[in-house]
Amino acid sequence: QHWIAVPSPTRSQVARIAIPNGAKADQRLPVVAALQGAGGSENMFFDAYGNGTPVQASVERGGFVIAPRCGLLGGVDLPALLAAMATRWPIDRQRVVLVGHSMGAMQSVAAAVAPGANNRAIAALGGGGRIPADARLSLPSFVGIGSRAFARGNALQLHAALQRAGSKGELREQETSNT
């Protein structure tokens, strides 16, 4: 695992990266961009969510993971972070999967619909996001939400908007209790 800091005009962007074993310089490998929820850090997918299971599974399947430090107001320049990664590791910027939790789900959606975005898939967990009415998305999507989560309505709206934009996707509601 590594941390990188990429300078930008206003601040440095920090990210934690997991590298699959056996990555070879001549073999471009996919990347999972993991964006955490508000109040979290670049360590959430590595150490908290599922005790690091998402990162471990991605690396075991031969993919890199990049988890940028996301501010409360967003501002993650994912293309710049991926460009910095590409100078050091054999990543395939045509095979990027966006995964976001809560606020990170919104940021993942924003990255997916950004001009020039070329992502493979998106997973929005416990959150929503906005899709422009004229957006066209061919990437697969997954929206996951708890049945009693405060963001349930936003997640349902996001799934419907992704469908309208052309994304073939799945919505999964996990039954949750009041306790």
C-alpha atoms as a PDB file:
ATOM      1  CA  GLN A   1       0.000   0.000   0.000  1.00  0.00           C
ATOM      2  CA  HIS A   2       1.092   3.527  -0.711  1.00  0.00           C
ATOM      3  CA  TRP A   3      -0.056   7.082  -0.150  1.00  0.00           C
ATOM      4  CA  ILE A   4       0.383   9.717  -2.803  1.00  0.00           C
ATOM      5  CA  ALA A   5      -0.062  13.476  -2.769  1.00  0.00           C
ATOM      6  CA  VAL A   6      -0.809  15.142  -6.082  1.00  0.00           C
ATOM      7  CA  PRO A   7      -0.400  18.924  -6.228  1.00  0.00           C
ATOM      8  CA  SER A   8      -3.309  20.936  -7.579  1.00  0.00           C
ATOM      9  CA  PRO A   9      -3.760  24.698  -7.932  1.00  0.00           C
ATOM     10  CA  THR A  10      -5.465  25.015  -4.534  1.00  0.00           C
ATOM     11  CA  ARG A  11      -4.150  22.093  -2.442  1.00  0.00           C
ATOM     12  CA  SER A  12      -2.544  18.685  -2.586  1.00  0.00           C
ATOM     13  CA  GLN A  13      -4.829  15.714  -3.116  1.00  0.00           C
ATOM     14  CA  VAL A  14      -3.956  12.770  -0.920  1.00  0.00           C
ATOM     15  CA  ALA A  15      -4.909   9.186  -1.725  1.00  0.00           C
ATOM     16  CA  ARG A  16      -4.212   5.725  -0.372  1.00  0.00           C
ATOM     17  CA  ILE A  17      -3.472   3.052  -2.960  1.00  0.00           C
ATOM     18  CA  ALA A  18      -3.479  -0.749  -2.855  1.00  0.00           C
ATOM     19  CA  ILE A  19      -1.380  -2.525  -5.459  1.00  0.00           C
ATOM     20  CA  PRO A  20      -2.115  -6.087  -6.554  1.00  0.00           C
ATOM     21  CA  ASN A  21       0.641  -8.644  -6.136  1.00  0.00           C
ATOM     22  CA  GLY A  22       2.409  -9.483  -9.349  1.00  0.00           C
ATOM     23  CA  ALA A  23       1.515  -6.261 -11.182  1.00  0.00           C
ATOM     24  CA  LYS A  24       3.801  -6.144 -14.223  1.00  0.00           C
ATOM     25  CA  ALA A  25       4.847  -2.960 -16.011  1.00  0.00           C
ATOM     26  CA  ASP A  26       3.577  -4.224 -19.388  1.00  0.00           C
ATOM     27  CA  GLN A  27       0.149  -5.344 -18.132  1.00  0.00           C
ATOM     28  CA  ARG A  28      -2.435  -2.594 -17.585  1.00  0.00           C
ATOM     29  CA  LEU A  29      -4.750  -3.474 -14.696  1.00  0.00           C
ATOM     30  CA  PRO A  30      -8.168  -2.091 -13.669  1.00  0.00           C
ATOM     31  CA  VAL A  31      -8.678   0.428 -10.890  1.00  0.00           C
ATOM     32  CA  VAL A  32     -11.374   0.750  -8.251  1.00  0.00           C
ATOM     33  CA  ALA A  33     -11.788   4.374  -7.180  1.00  0.00           C
ATOM     34  CA  ALA A  34     -13.265   4.220  -3.666  1.00  0.00           C
ATOM     35  CA  LEU A  35     -14.794   7.442  -2.311  1.00  0.00           C
ATOM     36  CA  GLN A  36     -15.784   7.533   1.364  1.00  0.00           C
ATOM     37  CA  GLY A  37     -18.629   9.256   3.133  1.00  0.00           C
ATOM     38  CA  ALA A  38     -18.578  12.599   4.940  1.00  0.00           C
ATOM     39  CA  GLY A  39     -16.377  12.673   7.995  1.00  0.00           C
ATOM     40  CA  GLY A  40     -14.311   9.724   6.775  1.00  0.00           C
ATOM     41  CA  SER A  41     -10.877   9.556   5.250  1.00  0.00           C
ATOM     42  CA  GLU A  42      -8.966   7.702   2.587  1.00  0.00           C
ATOM     43  CA  ASN A  43      -8.649   4.888   5.128  1.00  0.00           C
ATOM     44  CA  MET A  44     -12.366   4.007   5.332  1.00  0.00           C
ATOM     45  CA  PHE A  45     -12.469   1.397   2.544  1.00  0.00           C
ATOM     46  CA  PHE A  46      -9.120  -0.021   3.713  1.00  0.00           C
ATOM     47  CA  ASP A  47      -9.786  -0.259   7.432  1.00  0.00           C
ATOM     48  CA  ALA A  48     -13.446   0.342   8.276  1.00  0.00           C
ATOM     49  CA  TYR A  49     -15.998  -0.655   5.624  1.00  0.00           C
ATOM     50  CA  GLY A  50     -16.236  -4.413   5.882  1.00  0.00           C
ATOM     51  CA  ASN A  51     -12.915  -4.396   7.732  1.00  0.00           C
ATOM     52  CA  GLY A  52     -11.124  -3.781   4.425  1.00  0.00           C
ATOM     53  CA  THR A  53     -12.900  -6.558   2.507  1.00  0.00           C
ATOM     54  CA  PRO A  54     -13.652  -4.398  -0.594  1.00  0.00           C
ATOM     55  CA  VAL A  55      -9.973  -3.492  -0.997  1.00  0.00           C
ATOM     56  CA  GLN A  56      -8.773  -7.037  -0.327  1.00  0.00           C
ATOM     57  CA  ALA A  57     -11.232  -8.485  -2.872  1.00  0.00           C
ATOM     58  CA  SER A  58     -10.190  -5.970  -5.533  1.00  0.00           C
ATOM     59  CA  VAL A  59      -6.491  -6.656  -5.052  1.00  0.00           C
ATOM     60  CA  GLU A  60      -7.029 -10.439  -5.038  1.00  0.00           C
ATOM     61  CA  ARG A  61      -8.825 -10.092  -8.388  1.00  0.00           C
ATOM     62  CA  GLY A  62      -5.845  -8.201  -9.822  1.00  0.00           C
ATOM     63  CA  GLY A  63      -7.020  -4.614  -9.520  1.00  0.00           C
ATOM     64  CA  PHE A  64      -5.594  -1.472  -8.018  1.00  0.00           C
ATOM     65  CA  VAL A  65      -7.594   0.531  -5.482  1.00  0.00           C
ATOM     66  CA  ILE A  66      -7.300   4.282  -5.046  1.00  0.00           C
ATOM     67  CA  ALA A  67      -9.095   5.959  -2.164  1.00  0.00           C
ATOM     68  CA  PRO A  68      -8.721   9.743  -2.286  1.00  0.00           C
ATOM     69  CA  ARG A  69      -9.187  11.943   0.741  1.00  0.00           C
ATOM     70  CA  CYS A  70     -12.526  13.597  -0.042  1.00  0.00           C
ATOM     71  CA  GLY A  71     -13.415  16.929   1.500  1.00  0.00           C
ATOM     72  CA  LEU A  72     -16.920  17.788   2.640  1.00  0.00           C
ATOM     73  CA  LEU A  73     -17.442  19.904  -0.458  1.00  0.00           C
ATOM     74  CA  GLY A  74     -16.012  17.357  -2.866  1.00  0.00           C
ATOM     75  CA  GLY A  75     -13.293  18.683  -5.075  1.00  0.00           C
ATOM     76  CA  VAL A  76     -11.640  15.358  -5.847  1.00  0.00           C
ATOM     77  CA  ASP A  77      -9.836  15.555  -9.181  1.00  0.00           C
ATOM     78  CA  LEU A  78      -9.981  11.869 -10.016  1.00  0.00           C
ATOM     79  CA  PRO A  79      -8.462  12.269 -13.514  1.00  0.00           C
ATOM     80  CA  ALA A  80      -5.415  13.989 -11.978  1.00  0.00           C
ATOM     81  CA  LEU A  81      -5.025  11.245  -9.368  1.00  0.00           C
ATOM     82  CA  LEU A  82      -5.312   8.535 -12.018  1.00  0.00           C
ATOM     83  CA  ALA A  83      -2.771  10.351 -14.201  1.00  0.00           C
ATOM     84  CA  ALA A  84      -0.353  10.476 -11.262  1.00  0.00           C
ATOM     85  CA  MET A  85      -0.918   6.764 -10.615  1.00  0.00           C
ATOM     86  CA  ALA A  86      -0.261   5.965 -14.277  1.00  0.00           C
ATOM     87  CA  THR A  87       3.212   7.498 -14.066  1.00  0.00           C
ATOM     88  CA  ARG A  88       4.179   4.962 -11.393  1.00  0.00           C
ATOM     89  CA  TRP A  89       2.006   1.870 -11.828  1.00  0.00           C
ATOM     90  CA  PRO A  90       0.511  -0.065 -14.767  1.00  0.00           C
ATOM     91  CA  ILE A  91      -3.103   1.058 -14.467  1.00  0.00           C
ATOM     92  CA  ASP A  92      -5.696   0.938 -17.212  1.00  0.00           C
ATOM     93  CA  ARG A  93      -7.537   4.271 -17.148  1.00  0.00           C
ATOM     94  CA  GLN A  94     -10.141   2.774 -19.477  1.00  0.00           C
ATOM     95  CA  ARG A  95     -11.144   0.272 -16.770  1.00  0.00           C
ATOM     96  CA  VAL A  96     -12.057   2.391 -13.738  1.00  0.00           C
ATOM     97  CA  VAL A  97     -14.896   1.341 -11.456  1.00  0.00           C
ATOM     98  CA  LEU A  98     -16.315   4.042  -9.209  1.00  0.00           C
ATOM     99  CA  VAL A  99     -17.490   3.001  -5.732  1.00  0.00           C
ATOM    100  CA  GLY A 100     -18.825   5.543  -3.291  1.00  0.00           C
ATOM    101  CA  HIS A 101     -20.455   5.486   0.108  1.00  0.00           C
ATOM    102  CA  SER A 102     -22.887   8.219   1.210  1.00  0.00           C
ATOM    103  CA  MET A 103     -21.254  11.512   0.188  1.00  0.00           C
ATOM    104  CA  GLY A 104     -18.774   9.427  -1.790  1.00  0.00           C
ATOM    105  CA  ALA A 105     -21.731   8.004  -3.734  1.00  0.00           C
ATOM    106  CA  MET A 106     -22.624  11.535  -4.815  1.00  0.00           C
ATOM    107  CA  GLN A 107     -19.018  12.214  -5.807  1.00  0.00           C
ATOM    108  CA  SER A 108     -18.875   8.931  -7.750  1.00  0.00           C
ATOM    109  CA  VAL A 109     -22.002   9.888  -9.664  1.00  0.00           C
ATOM    110  CA  ALA A 110     -20.524  13.314 -10.424  1.00  0.00           C
ATOM    111  CA  ALA A 111     -17.341  11.646 -11.720  1.00  0.00           C
ATOM    112  CA  ALA A 112     -19.379   9.246 -13.863  1.00  0.00           C
ATOM    113  CA  VAL A 113     -21.283  12.034 -15.619  1.00  0.00           C
ATOM    114  CA  ALA A 114     -18.355  14.460 -15.939  1.00  0.00           C
ATOM    115  CA  PRO A 115     -17.420  15.476 -19.487  1.00  0.00           C
ATOM    116  CA  GLY A 116     -14.950  12.989 -20.931  1.00  0.00           C
ATOM    117  CA  ALA A 117     -15.586  10.401 -18.209  1.00  0.00           C
ATOM    118  CA  ASN A 118     -14.820   6.884 -19.362  1.00  0.00           C
ATOM    119  CA  ASN A 119     -15.581   4.623 -16.436  1.00  0.00           C
ATOM    120  CA  ARG A 120     -16.482   0.929 -16.492  1.00  0.00           C
ATOM    121  CA  ALA A 121     -19.133   0.849 -13.752  1.00  0.00           C
ATOM    122  CA  ILE A 122     -20.476   2.694 -10.747  1.00  0.00           C
ATOM    123  CA  ALA A 123     -21.631   1.497  -7.319  1.00  0.00           C
ATOM    124  CA  ALA A 124     -23.422   3.994  -5.079  1.00  0.00           C
ATOM    125  CA  LEU A 125     -23.794   2.726  -1.525  1.00  0.00           C
ATOM    126  CA  GLY A 126     -25.978   4.461   1.028  1.00  0.00           C
ATOM    127  CA  GLY A 127     -26.369   7.671  -0.930  1.00  0.00           C
ATOM    128  CA  GLY A 128     -27.681   9.406  -3.992  1.00  0.00           C
ATOM    129  CA  GLY A 129     -26.499  11.838  -6.591  1.00  0.00           C
ATOM    130  CA  ARG A 130     -27.726  13.869  -9.520  1.00  0.00           C
ATOM    131  CA  ILE A 131     -27.796  12.838 -13.135  1.00  0.00           C
ATOM    132  CA  PRO A 132     -28.340  15.618 -15.694  1.00  0.00           C
ATOM    133  CA  ALA A 133     -31.592  15.109 -17.604  1.00  0.00           C
ATOM    134  CA  ASP A 134     -29.697  14.846 -20.906  1.00  0.00           C
ATOM    135  CA  ALA A 135     -27.020  12.444 -19.630  1.00  0.00           C
ATOM    136  CA  ARG A 136     -26.432   9.188 -21.504  1.00  0.00           C
ATOM    137  CA  LEU A 137     -24.699   6.436 -19.552  1.00  0.00           C
ATOM    138  CA  SER A 138     -23.946   2.995 -20.880  1.00  0.00           C
ATOM    139  CA  LEU A 139     -22.023   1.837 -17.835  1.00  0.00           C
ATOM    140  CA  PRO A 140     -23.547  -0.717 -15.458  1.00  0.00           C
ATOM    141  CA  SER A 141     -24.633   0.570 -12.068  1.00  0.00           C
ATOM    142  CA  PHE A 142     -25.415  -0.733  -8.607  1.00  0.00           C
ATOM    143  CA  VAL A 143     -27.285   1.240  -5.967  1.00  0.00           C
ATOM    144  CA  GLY A 144     -27.396  -0.224  -2.467  1.00  0.00           C
ATOM    145  CA  ILE A 145     -29.319   1.225   0.473  1.00  0.00           C
ATOM    146  CA  GLY A 146     -30.766   0.171   3.814  1.00  0.00           C
ATOM    147  CA  SER A 147     -34.555  -0.002   3.971  1.00  0.00           C
ATOM    148  CA  ARG A 148     -34.648   2.543   6.803  1.00  0.00           C
ATOM    149  CA  ALA A 149     -31.632   4.647   5.825  1.00  0.00           C
ATOM    150  CA  PHE A 150     -32.104   8.417   5.862  1.00  0.00           C
ATOM    151  CA  ALA A 151     -30.808   8.584   2.270  1.00  0.00           C
ATOM    152  CA  ARG A 152     -33.200   5.897   0.992  1.00  0.00           C
ATOM    153  CA  GLY A 153     -35.254   8.360  -1.063  1.00  0.00           C
ATOM    154  CA  ASN A 154     -32.105   9.800  -2.646  1.00  0.00           C
ATOM    155  CA  ALA A 155     -30.853   6.320  -3.519  1.00  0.00           C
ATOM    156  CA  LEU A 156     -34.175   5.367  -5.132  1.00  0.00           C
ATOM    157  CA  GLN A 157     -34.160   8.603  -7.151  1.00  0.00           C
ATOM    158  CA  LEU A 158     -30.569   7.958  -8.229  1.00  0.00           C
ATOM    159  CA  HIS A 159     -31.396   4.454  -9.414  1.00  0.00           C
ATOM    160  CA  ALA A 160     -34.350   5.755 -11.437  1.00  0.00           C
ATOM    161  CA  ALA A 161     -32.198   8.533 -12.947  1.00  0.00           C
ATOM    162  CA  LEU A 162     -29.451   6.051 -13.869  1.00  0.00           C
ATOM    163  CA  GLN A 163     -32.059   3.885 -15.597  1.00  0.00           C
ATOM    164  CA  ARG A 164     -33.436   6.875 -17.525  1.00  0.00           C
ATOM    165  CA  ALA A 165     -29.873   7.768 -18.600  1.00  0.00           C
ATOM    166  CA  GLY A 166     -29.440   4.284 -20.087  1.00  0.00           C
ATOM    167  CA  SER A 167     -27.478   2.536 -17.358  1.00  0.00           C
ATOM    168  CA  LYS A 168     -28.277  -1.126 -16.905  1.00  0.00           C
ATOM    169  CA  GLY A 169     -28.261  -1.462 -13.182  1.00  0.00           C
ATOM    170  CA  GLU A 170     -29.444  -3.040 -10.015  1.00  0.00           C
ATOM    171  CA  LEU A 171     -31.061  -1.565  -6.951  1.00  0.00           C
ATOM    172  CA  ARG A 172     -30.702  -3.542  -3.748  1.00  0.00           C
ATOM    173  CA  GLU A 173     -32.423  -2.583  -0.525  1.00  0.00           C
ATOM    174  CA  GLN A 174     -31.134  -4.301   2.574  1.00  0.00           C
ATOM    175  CA  GLU A 175     -33.783  -4.825   5.245  1.00  0.00           C
ATOM    176  CA  THR A 176     -32.703  -2.990   8.380  1.00  0.00           C
ATOM    177  CA  SER A 177     -34.228  -2.852  11.833  1.00  0.00           C
ATOM    178  CA  ASN A 178     -35.069   0.108  14.039  1.00  0.00           C
ATOM    179  CA  THR A 179     -32.591  -0.992  16.680  1.00  0.00           C
END
